[in-house]
Amino acid sequence: MNGVLREARFLLTLRSAVLAIACLFLLTAVAVGAGLVEVARQEATIARIGPQQKADVAAIAAWASKGRDPGDAAYYTFHATWDPPSDLAFAAIGTRDVSPYVLRVRALGLEAQLYEGEIGNPEAALPGRFDFAFVLVYLAPLFVILLFHDLRSGEREAGRLRALEASVGSTFGFWGARVAVRAAALFLALSVPFLIGAAIAGTAAWKVAAVLVVVAAYLAFWIVLCLVVARAVRGSLANAMSLAAAWMTLTLIVPAIGHVAINSAIPLRQGMELGVTQRTAVHRAWDIPKSETMDAFFRGHPEWKDTAPLTEAFHWKWYFAFHQVGDEAAGDLSHRYHDGVLERAAWSERLGMMAPGVGAQLALHRLAATDPAAQIAYQDRIRSFHGQLRGFYYPFLFRDKPFERADFDRAPAFQPASGEGRWPGMLLAGMIVMTGLVGGFGLLRSRRVHA
């Protein structure tokens, strides 16, 4: 304990170290604050959905119920869906920065609606959101390097190393205390702002504990790597350059190469292409006989086959039938896109077990339910809800039942998920294994040097 207190007092005398820790604390606080603001903005957007939805439905009901036409009700009524942010989303925004978390759908073809949204500047989205995950993965290692690159070499260059090691009873205890104090300072600089943000957001205790484990594991990897490099009898500048190269390789180059390799190995047709395929099938229905469209629809939905035959006049059931046929025409593409996104995510997790930066980021996104799997789950819930809408409107459309004003209130309502995250067990295990491998390599190299 005396050694820890001594090293803590010594650390406070190092102006550069104190400034670095304060800077990391400030960056983390800003990132947590920015995450809380973004989540509050998304929650405010979602909170406006209910009143707006009621007003829209009331206006449509006042107009459509006069004619009691179910086609008008089904065509003009939008139904809101939303994906509320989890209690940890402020720390890792993930795909919520680029994917829609609010979507209003109609009972028409769904595939085109799923990928409609506002067009943003892709260059603005490229750097990603400045959140806690960004600070931890990309910036924290630089502060670790700053505090640990000259742990031994700085004392040696100042001419104090031999005197220090001779004056202490145990060199292991001396260096262990120094490492522990600096590691604790970095951990607190990251953890305290996060804990404040978690208290404001009402984050579940198990998620808070899991994030702290991720932070500790990621810092441990970089600290061990710094110690391994510091064991070489080289100058502080050489250590810093070696560690900076390691940071660039592990946090930028390897993830970029892995991302390109995964995307090349698992090509995906983008959502807009799915929408185009669906819309092409829909528009084609205007140019072919109605019987061809209805035959294609009845093959998949024989329960409506006994409805009254169509005439040359326009009929809503034909219109909605060819929209569903359009969805089914793009069904295979949609399934491949769905499976491809999840397969890419699975390979990214495998990459994260070898690249600690990727692993830490994916672990936080998984805990915060902001990973691609969470976005796909939201789309699956929309598809399920859309099926309920079709099941609600089709009896009116295909049986020519009048749609009364009270029927608007009987329409299905979307039920969002709770936004619970998942424990990132394999990713954490990967980071711990990588830390052990780096430490083992350093120990083996040290023995060879001393031999």
Protein backbone atom coordinates (compact mmCIF):
# COMPACT_ATOMS: atom_id res chain seq x y z
CA MET A 1 0.00 0.00 0.00
CA ASN A 2 2.88 2.38 0.75
CA GLY A 3 4.22 1.73 -2.75
CA VAL A 4 0.88 2.55 -4.33
CA LEU A 5 0.57 5.80 -2.37
CA ARG A 6 4.14 6.71 -3.27
CA GLU A 7 3.47 6.15 -6.97
CA ALA A 8 0.22 8.07 -6.78
CA ARG A 9 2.03 11.09 -5.31
CA PHE A 10 4.75 10.71 -7.93
CA LEU A 11 2.17 10.60 -10.75
CA LEU A 12 0.63 13.86 -9.49
CA THR A 13 4.01 15.57 -9.87
CA LEU A 14 4.19 14.64 -13.57
CA ARG A 15 2.43 17.52 -15.29
CA SER A 16 2.24 15.75 -18.66
CA ALA A 17 0.68 12.63 -17.12
CA VAL A 18 -1.88 14.61 -15.13
CA LEU A 19 -2.75 16.64 -18.23
CA ALA A 20 -3.16 13.46 -20.29
CA ILE A 21 -5.49 11.86 -17.72
CA ALA A 22 -7.51 15.07 -17.44
CA CYS A 23 -7.76 15.26 -21.23
CA LEU A 24 -8.98 11.67 -21.44
CA PHE A 25 -11.53 12.39 -18.70
CA LEU A 26 -12.75 15.46 -20.58
CA LEU A 27 -13.00 13.62 -23.92
CA THR A 28 -14.92 10.81 -22.27
CA ALA A 29 -17.28 13.26 -20.58
CA VAL A 30 -17.93 15.05 -23.88
CA ALA A 31 -18.53 11.74 -25.65
CA VAL A 32 -20.95 10.54 -22.96
CA GLY A 33 -22.74 13.88 -23.03
CA ALA A 34 -23.02 13.76 -26.82
CA GLY A 35 -24.42 10.24 -26.59
CA LEU A 36 -27.02 11.29 -24.02
CA VAL A 37 -28.06 14.24 -26.20
CA GLU A 38 -28.43 12.00 -29.26
CA VAL A 39 -30.49 9.43 -27.36
CA ALA A 40 -32.67 12.22 -25.92
CA ARG A 41 -33.23 13.52 -29.46
CA GLN A 42 -34.25 10.07 -30.67
CA GLU A 43 -36.55 9.55 -27.70
CA ALA A 44 -38.18 12.94 -28.34
CA THR A 45 -38.76 11.96 -31.96
CA ILE A 46 -40.35 8.68 -30.88
CA ALA A 47 -42.48 10.46 -28.26
CA ARG A 48 -44.02 12.64 -30.99
CA ILE A 49 -45.17 9.59 -32.94
CA GLY A 50 -48.19 8.75 -30.77
CA PRO A 51 -49.99 12.12 -30.92
CA GLN A 52 -49.17 12.59 -34.61
CA GLN A 53 -50.38 9.09 -35.42
CA LYS A 54 -53.69 9.69 -33.65
CA ALA A 55 -54.19 13.01 -35.43
CA ASP A 56 -53.44 11.48 -38.83
CA VAL A 57 -55.75 8.51 -38.29
CA ALA A 58 -58.53 10.80 -37.04
CA ALA A 59 -58.26 12.96 -40.15
CA ILE A 60 -58.30 9.96 -42.47
CA ALA A 61 -61.18 8.37 -40.54
CA ALA A 62 -63.26 11.53 -40.83
CA TRP A 63 -62.79 11.47 -44.61
CA ALA A 64 -62.62 7.78 -45.53
CA SER A 65 -65.45 6.63 -43.30
CA LYS A 66 -67.92 8.72 -45.29
CA GLY A 67 -67.49 6.43 -48.27
CA ARG A 68 -66.89 3.38 -46.07
CA ASP A 69 -64.37 2.20 -48.67
CA PRO A 70 -61.82 -0.22 -47.11
CA GLY A 71 -59.37 0.51 -49.92
CA ASP A 72 -59.19 4.17 -48.99
CA ALA A 73 -58.62 3.29 -45.35
CA ALA A 74 -55.90 0.74 -46.14
CA TYR A 75 -54.19 2.93 -48.74
CA TYR A 76 -54.07 6.24 -46.93
CA THR A 77 -53.51 5.10 -43.34
CA PHE A 78 -49.89 5.02 -42.20
CA HIS A 79 -49.01 2.94 -39.16
CA ALA A 80 -46.05 3.96 -37.02
CA THR A 81 -43.26 1.61 -35.98
CA TRP A 82 -40.30 2.56 -33.85
CA ASP A 83 -37.22 1.08 -32.24
CA PRO A 84 -36.59 2.76 -28.87
CA PRO A 85 -32.96 3.18 -27.81
CA SER A 86 -31.76 0.91 -25.05
CA ASP A 87 -30.58 2.22 -21.70
CA LEU A 88 -26.97 1.84 -22.92
CA ALA A 89 -27.37 3.30 -26.42
CA PHE A 90 -25.78 6.59 -25.29
CA ALA A 91 -22.42 4.80 -24.94
CA ALA A 92 -22.43 3.10 -28.33
CA ILE A 93 -24.77 4.56 -30.96
CA GLY A 94 -23.81 1.89 -33.50
CA THR A 95 -26.15 1.41 -36.45
CA ARG A 96 -28.72 3.84 -35.02
CA ASP A 97 -26.62 6.60 -36.53
CA VAL A 98 -27.31 5.47 -40.11
CA SER A 99 -30.34 3.16 -39.94
CA PRO A 100 -33.93 4.32 -39.38
CA TYR A 101 -35.33 3.88 -35.89
CA VAL A 102 -38.78 5.24 -36.86
CA LEU A 103 -40.72 4.03 -39.88
CA ARG A 104 -44.34 4.56 -40.89
CA VAL A 105 -45.71 1.77 -43.06
CA ARG A 106 -48.87 1.07 -44.98
CA ALA A 107 -50.49 -2.23 -45.91
CA LEU A 108 -48.96 -1.90 -49.39
CA GLY A 109 -45.75 -3.58 -50.55
CA LEU A 110 -43.31 -3.60 -47.65
CA GLU A 111 -39.87 -4.16 -49.17
CA ALA A 112 -39.75 -0.73 -50.79
CA GLN A 113 -40.99 0.92 -47.59
CA LEU A 114 -38.34 -0.72 -45.41
CA TYR A 115 -35.50 1.10 -47.10
CA GLU A 116 -37.11 4.49 -47.55
CA GLY A 117 -35.60 7.25 -45.48
CA GLU A 118 -33.94 10.60 -45.47
CA ILE A 119 -30.81 10.96 -47.57
CA GLY A 120 -27.88 12.20 -45.54
CA ASN A 121 -24.35 13.23 -46.43
CA PRO A 122 -22.30 10.00 -46.50
CA GLU A 123 -19.09 11.93 -45.81
CA ALA A 124 -20.59 13.26 -42.59
CA ALA A 125 -21.48 9.74 -41.48
CA LEU A 126 -18.11 8.23 -42.43
CA PRO A 127 -16.18 9.11 -39.23
CA GLY A 128 -18.93 7.66 -37.07
CA ARG A 129 -20.56 9.08 -33.99
CA PHE A 130 -18.29 10.56 -31.31
CA ASP A 131 -19.46 8.41 -28.44
CA PHE A 132 -17.97 6.49 -25.53
CA ALA A 133 -17.17 3.51 -27.75
CA PHE A 134 -15.16 5.77 -30.09
CA VAL A 135 -13.14 7.26 -27.22
CA LEU A 136 -12.43 3.84 -25.74
CA VAL A 137 -11.45 2.08 -28.96
CA TYR A 138 -9.54 4.79 -30.81
CA LEU A 139 -8.35 7.40 -28.30
CA ALA A 140 -7.75 5.53 -25.03
CA PRO A 141 -4.86 3.45 -26.47
CA LEU A 142 -3.02 6.67 -27.33
CA PHE A 143 -3.18 7.77 -23.70
CA VAL A 144 -2.01 4.33 -22.57
CA ILE A 145 0.98 4.70 -24.89
CA LEU A 146 1.67 8.19 -23.56
CA LEU A 147 1.78 7.00 -19.93
CA PHE A 148 3.56 3.67 -20.45
CA HIS A 149 5.97 4.02 -23.37
CA ASP A 150 8.76 5.37 -21.15
CA LEU A 151 7.97 3.44 -17.99
CA ARG A 152 11.52 2.03 -17.71
CA SER A 153 13.34 3.80 -20.49
CA GLY A 154 12.48 7.23 -19.06
CA GLU A 155 14.14 6.34 -15.75
CA ARG A 156 17.09 4.83 -17.55
CA GLU A 157 17.59 7.92 -19.74
CA ALA A 158 17.39 10.12 -16.64
CA GLY A 159 20.08 8.01 -14.97
CA ARG A 160 17.84 6.91 -12.08
CA LEU A 161 16.97 3.32 -13.04
CA ARG A 162 19.75 1.47 -11.19
CA ALA A 163 19.43 3.65 -8.11
CA LEU A 164 15.65 3.16 -8.01
CA GLU A 165 15.83 -0.60 -8.35
CA ALA A 166 18.59 -0.78 -5.76
CA SER A 167 16.64 1.30 -3.24
CA VAL A 168 13.46 -0.82 -3.29
CA GLY A 169 13.05 -4.18 -1.67
CA SER A 170 11.31 -5.73 -4.65
CA THR A 171 11.57 -4.48 -8.20
CA PHE A 172 8.40 -6.39 -9.04
CA GLY A 173 6.50 -4.58 -6.30
CA PHE A 174 7.94 -1.23 -7.35
CA TRP A 175 7.05 -1.54 -11.04
CA GLY A 176 3.78 -3.27 -10.22
CA ALA A 177 2.68 -0.32 -8.09
CA ARG A 178 3.63 2.14 -10.83
CA VAL A 179 1.71 0.17 -13.45
CA ALA A 180 -1.30 -0.24 -11.15
CA VAL A 181 -1.52 3.46 -10.33
CA ARG A 182 -1.34 4.58 -13.95
CA ALA A 183 -3.76 1.89 -15.08
CA ALA A 184 -6.22 2.87 -12.34
CA ALA A 185 -5.98 6.53 -13.34
CA LEU A 186 -6.81 5.69 -16.95
CA PHE A 187 -9.62 3.36 -15.90
CA LEU A 188 -11.17 6.05 -13.68
CA ALA A 189 -10.85 8.68 -16.42
CA LEU A 190 -12.95 6.44 -18.67
CA SER A 191 -15.27 4.96 -16.06
CA VAL A 192 -16.35 7.95 -13.98
CA PRO A 193 -17.99 9.89 -16.88
CA PHE A 194 -19.54 6.65 -18.10
CA LEU A 195 -20.98 5.86 -14.66
CA ILE A 196 -22.49 9.34 -14.46
CA GLY A 197 -24.03 8.88 -17.90
CA ALA A 198 -25.31 5.43 -16.97
CA ALA A 199 -26.95 6.86 -13.83
CA ILE A 200 -28.67 9.55 -15.91
CA ALA A 201 -29.82 7.00 -18.51
CA GLY A 202 -30.94 4.46 -15.89
CA THR A 203 -28.72 1.73 -17.33
CA ALA A 204 -29.17 -1.75 -15.90
CA ALA A 205 -26.51 -2.75 -13.37
CA TRP A 206 -25.41 -5.83 -15.31
CA LYS A 207 -24.78 -3.74 -18.42
CA VAL A 208 -22.75 -1.23 -16.43
CA ALA A 209 -20.66 -4.07 -15.00
CA ALA A 210 -20.20 -5.58 -18.46
CA VAL A 211 -19.01 -2.26 -19.91
CA LEU A 212 -16.51 -1.85 -17.08
CA VAL A 213 -15.22 -5.36 -17.80
CA VAL A 214 -14.80 -4.42 -21.49
CA VAL A 215 -12.96 -1.24 -20.50
CA ALA A 216 -10.67 -3.12 -18.13
CA ALA A 217 -9.95 -5.87 -20.67
CA TYR A 218 -9.19 -3.39 -23.46
CA LEU A 219 -6.93 -1.25 -21.28
CA ALA A 220 -5.19 -4.40 -20.04
CA PHE A 221 -4.34 -5.42 -23.61
CA TRP A 222 -2.72 -2.11 -24.42
CA ILE A 223 -0.92 -1.88 -21.09
CA VAL A 224 0.50 -5.37 -21.52
CA LEU A 225 1.56 -4.51 -25.06
CA CYS A 226 3.31 -1.37 -23.77
CA LEU A 227 5.09 -3.40 -21.09
CA VAL A 228 6.22 -5.95 -23.66
CA VAL A 229 7.69 -3.22 -25.86
CA ALA A 230 9.22 -1.48 -22.83
CA ARG A 231 11.18 -4.62 -21.88
CA ALA A 232 13.38 -4.12 -24.91
CA VAL A 233 16.49 -2.07 -24.13
CA ARG A 234 15.59 0.83 -26.36
CA GLY A 235 14.95 4.53 -26.01
CA SER A 236 11.61 6.12 -25.17
CA LEU A 237 11.25 7.57 -28.66
CA ALA A 238 11.72 4.15 -30.26
CA ASN A 239 9.16 2.65 -27.88
CA ALA A 240 6.66 5.38 -28.68
CA MET A 241 7.12 4.93 -32.43
CA SER A 242 6.73 1.14 -32.15
CA LEU A 243 3.57 1.49 -30.09
CA ALA A 244 2.15 4.15 -32.42
CA ALA A 245 2.69 1.76 -35.32
CA ALA A 246 0.95 -0.99 -33.34
CA TRP A 247 -1.97 1.36 -32.63
CA MET A 248 -2.34 2.25 -36.31
CA THR A 249 -2.11 -1.41 -37.32
CA LEU A 250 -4.53 -2.81 -34.75
CA THR A 251 -7.14 -0.03 -34.72
CA LEU A 252 -7.08 1.19 -38.32
CA ILE A 253 -5.32 -1.07 -40.81
CA VAL A 254 -6.40 -4.53 -39.63
CA PRO A 255 -10.08 -3.54 -39.18
CA ALA A 256 -10.09 -1.82 -42.59
CA ILE A 257 -8.58 -4.85 -44.32
CA GLY A 258 -10.95 -7.16 -42.45
CA HIS A 259 -13.93 -5.01 -43.40
CA VAL A 260 -12.98 -5.05 -47.07
CA ALA A 261 -12.34 -8.81 -46.99
CA ILE A 262 -15.67 -9.56 -45.30
CA ASN A 263 -17.63 -7.33 -47.67
CA SER A 264 -15.90 -8.89 -50.68
CA ALA A 265 -16.48 -12.44 -49.46
CA ILE A 266 -20.14 -11.77 -48.58
CA PRO A 267 -21.53 -9.38 -51.21
CA LEU A 268 -24.94 -7.87 -50.53
CA ARG A 269 -27.49 -6.25 -52.75
CA GLN A 270 -28.37 -3.03 -51.04
CA GLY A 271 -31.80 -2.24 -49.69
CA MET A 272 -32.48 0.26 -52.46
CA GLU A 273 -31.99 -2.50 -55.04
CA LEU A 274 -34.53 -4.63 -53.20
CA GLY A 275 -36.96 -1.74 -53.34
CA VAL A 276 -36.37 -1.32 -57.07
CA THR A 277 -37.00 -5.04 -57.66
CA GLN A 278 -40.24 -4.86 -55.70
CA ARG A 279 -41.41 -1.69 -57.41
CA THR A 280 -40.60 -3.12 -60.84
CA ALA A 281 -42.82 -6.11 -60.12
CA VAL A 282 -45.56 -3.78 -58.85
CA HIS A 283 -45.50 -1.51 -61.88
CA ARG A 284 -45.48 -4.48 -64.22
CA ALA A 285 -48.90 -5.47 -62.89
CA TRP A 286 -50.45 -2.47 -64.65
CA ASP A 287 -49.36 -3.87 -68.02
CA ILE A 288 -50.47 -7.50 -67.68
CA PRO A 289 -53.93 -9.07 -67.38
CA LYS A 290 -55.46 -8.86 -63.92
CA SER A 291 -56.08 -12.61 -63.97
CA GLU A 292 -52.32 -13.25 -64.18
CA THR A 293 -51.73 -11.17 -61.08
CA MET A 294 -54.58 -12.78 -59.16
CA ASP A 295 -53.48 -16.29 -60.12
CA ALA A 296 -49.99 -15.53 -58.76
CA PHE A 297 -51.54 -14.15 -55.57
CA PHE A 298 -53.94 -17.08 -55.07
CA ARG A 299 -51.10 -19.60 -55.39
CA GLY A 300 -49.63 -18.25 -52.19
CA HIS A 301 -52.90 -17.29 -50.54
CA PRO A 302 -55.58 -19.79 -51.52
CA GLU A 303 -57.85 -18.68 -48.67
CA TRP A 304 -58.99 -15.72 -50.84
CA LYS A 305 -59.51 -17.74 -54.02
CA ASP A 306 -63.28 -17.96 -53.65
CA THR A 307 -63.80 -14.18 -53.69
CA ALA A 308 -65.85 -12.52 -56.41
CA PRO A 309 -64.14 -12.39 -59.83
CA LEU A 310 -62.71 -9.12 -61.04
CA THR A 311 -64.19 -6.98 -63.77
CA GLU A 312 -62.48 -4.45 -66.01
CA ALA A 313 -63.07 -1.77 -63.40
CA PHE A 314 -60.43 -0.94 -60.82
CA HIS A 315 -60.70 -2.92 -57.58
CA TRP A 316 -58.68 -2.46 -54.43
CA LYS A 317 -58.16 -6.17 -53.85
CA TRP A 318 -56.32 -6.42 -57.17
CA TYR A 319 -54.20 -3.40 -56.23
CA PHE A 320 -53.18 -4.83 -52.87
CA ALA A 321 -52.72 -8.28 -54.38
CA PHE A 322 -50.12 -7.11 -56.87
CA HIS A 323 -48.30 -5.24 -54.11
CA GLN A 324 -48.00 -8.48 -52.17
CA VAL A 325 -46.93 -10.32 -55.33
CA GLY A 326 -44.24 -7.64 -55.72
CA ASP A 327 -43.04 -8.31 -52.17
CA GLU A 328 -42.92 -12.02 -52.87
CA ALA A 329 -40.98 -11.40 -56.09
CA ALA A 330 -38.27 -9.72 -54.03
CA GLY A 331 -38.55 -12.30 -51.24
CA ASP A 332 -35.45 -14.30 -52.15
CA LEU A 333 -33.35 -11.15 -52.42
CA SER A 334 -34.71 -9.99 -49.08
CA HIS A 335 -33.83 -13.27 -47.37
CA ARG A 336 -30.33 -13.22 -48.84
CA TYR A 337 -29.86 -9.64 -47.70
CA HIS A 338 -31.14 -10.53 -44.22
CA ASP A 339 -28.86 -13.56 -43.93
CA GLY A 340 -25.91 -11.72 -45.47
CA VAL A 341 -26.06 -8.92 -42.91
CA LEU A 342 -26.06 -11.42 -40.07
CA GLU A 343 -23.26 -13.43 -41.69
CA ARG A 344 -21.14 -10.30 -42.04
CA ALA A 345 -21.81 -9.52 -38.39
CA ALA A 346 -20.73 -13.04 -37.40
CA TRP A 347 -17.46 -12.71 -39.32
CA SER A 348 -16.88 -9.28 -37.80
CA GLU A 349 -17.14 -10.91 -34.38
CA ARG A 350 -14.56 -13.48 -35.44
CA LEU A 351 -12.32 -10.62 -36.49
CA GLY A 352 -12.97 -9.00 -33.11
CA MET A 353 -11.50 -12.03 -31.36
CA MET A 354 -8.18 -11.30 -33.11
CA ALA A 355 -8.32 -7.49 -33.16
CA PRO A 356 -9.10 -6.17 -29.65
CA GLY A 357 -10.30 -2.80 -30.95
CA VAL A 358 -12.93 -4.43 -33.14
CA GLY A 359 -13.85 -6.77 -30.30
CA ALA A 360 -14.32 -3.94 -27.80
CA GLN A 361 -16.45 -1.92 -30.19
CA LEU A 362 -18.64 -4.87 -31.15
CA ALA A 363 -19.00 -5.85 -27.50
CA LEU A 364 -20.32 -2.39 -26.62
CA HIS A 365 -22.68 -2.39 -29.60
CA ARG A 366 -24.01 -5.80 -28.61
CA LEU A 367 -24.57 -4.69 -25.03
CA ALA A 368 -26.30 -1.53 -26.21
CA ALA A 369 -28.45 -3.40 -28.78
CA THR A 370 -27.16 -1.11 -31.53
CA ASP A 371 -25.43 -3.77 -33.64
CA PRO A 372 -26.59 -5.00 -37.08
CA ALA A 373 -28.42 -7.92 -35.44
CA ALA A 374 -30.57 -5.43 -33.50
CA GLN A 375 -31.39 -3.51 -36.69
CA ILE A 376 -32.35 -6.73 -38.49
CA ALA A 377 -34.52 -7.67 -35.49
CA TYR A 378 -36.33 -4.33 -35.84
CA GLN A 379 -36.98 -5.05 -39.52
CA ASP A 380 -38.28 -8.50 -38.60
CA ARG A 381 -40.71 -6.91 -36.14
CA ILE A 382 -41.89 -4.54 -38.87
CA ARG A 383 -42.46 -7.49 -41.21
CA SER A 384 -44.46 -9.28 -38.54
CA PHE A 385 -46.53 -6.16 -37.88
CA HIS A 386 -47.07 -5.63 -41.60
CA GLY A 387 -48.41 -9.18 -41.84
CA GLN A 388 -50.90 -8.29 -39.09
CA LEU A 389 -51.98 -5.22 -41.06
CA ARG A 390 -52.62 -7.29 -44.17
CA GLY A 391 -54.54 -9.83 -42.11
CA PHE A 392 -56.65 -6.99 -40.73
CA TYR A 393 -57.45 -5.23 -44.01
CA TYR A 394 -57.78 -8.20 -46.38
CA PRO A 395 -61.19 -9.41 -45.09
CA PHE A 396 -62.58 -5.95 -45.84
CA LEU A 397 -60.89 -5.74 -49.24
CA PHE A 398 -61.57 -9.24 -50.52
CA ARG A 399 -65.06 -9.64 -49.03
CA ASP A 400 -66.17 -6.11 -49.94
CA LYS A 401 -67.05 -5.35 -46.34
CA PRO A 402 -67.67 -1.67 -45.58
CA PHE A 403 -65.01 -0.06 -43.39
CA GLU A 404 -66.67 1.82 -40.55
CA ARG A 405 -65.13 4.63 -38.51
CA ALA A 406 -64.88 2.36 -35.48
CA ASP A 407 -62.76 -0.09 -37.49
CA PHE A 408 -59.87 2.39 -37.46
CA ASP A 409 -59.53 1.82 -33.72
CA ARG A 410 -59.42 -1.95 -34.20
CA ALA A 411 -56.35 -1.84 -36.44
CA PRO A 412 -53.25 -3.62 -35.05
CA ALA A 413 -50.83 -1.53 -33.01
CA PHE A 414 -47.07 -1.95 -33.23
CA GLN A 415 -45.34 -3.33 -30.15
CA PRO A 416 -41.66 -2.32 -29.88
CA ALA A 417 -39.04 -4.55 -28.32
CA SER A 418 -37.51 -3.82 -24.94
CA GLY A 419 -34.06 -3.14 -26.43
CA GLU A 420 -32.20 -5.57 -24.19
CA GLY A 421 -28.58 -6.15 -25.10
CA ARG A 422 -26.68 -9.42 -25.09
CA TRP A 423 -23.66 -10.52 -23.08
CA PRO A 424 -20.54 -10.37 -25.32
CA GLY A 425 -18.95 -13.49 -23.90
CA MET A 426 -16.89 -14.66 -26.88
CA LEU A 427 -15.66 -11.15 -27.68
CA LEU A 428 -14.50 -10.63 -24.10
CA ALA A 429 -12.83 -14.01 -24.14
CA GLY A 430 -11.04 -13.05 -27.34
CA MET A 431 -9.66 -9.85 -25.81
CA ILE A 432 -8.49 -11.69 -22.69
CA VAL A 433 -6.82 -14.41 -24.78
CA MET A 434 -5.07 -11.79 -26.93
CA THR A 435 -3.83 -10.04 -23.78
CA GLY A 436 -2.49 -13.34 -22.46
CA LEU A 437 -0.78 -14.14 -25.75
CA VAL A 438 0.91 -10.75 -25.88
CA GLY A 439 2.02 -11.08 -22.25
CA GLY A 440 3.29 -14.62 -22.83
CA PHE A 441 5.24 -13.49 -25.87
CA GLY A 442 6.82 -10.69 -23.87
CA LEU A 443 7.80 -13.04 -21.04
CA LEU A 444 9.33 -15.55 -23.46
CA ARG A 445 11.23 -12.80 -25.25
CA SER A 446 12.49 -11.42 -21.95
CA ARG A 447 13.85 -14.82 -20.90
CA ARG A 448 15.65 -15.19 -24.21
CA VAL A 449 17.19 -11.75 -23.85
CA HIS A 450 18.39 -12.44 -20.31
CA ALA A 451 19.62 -15.91 -21.30
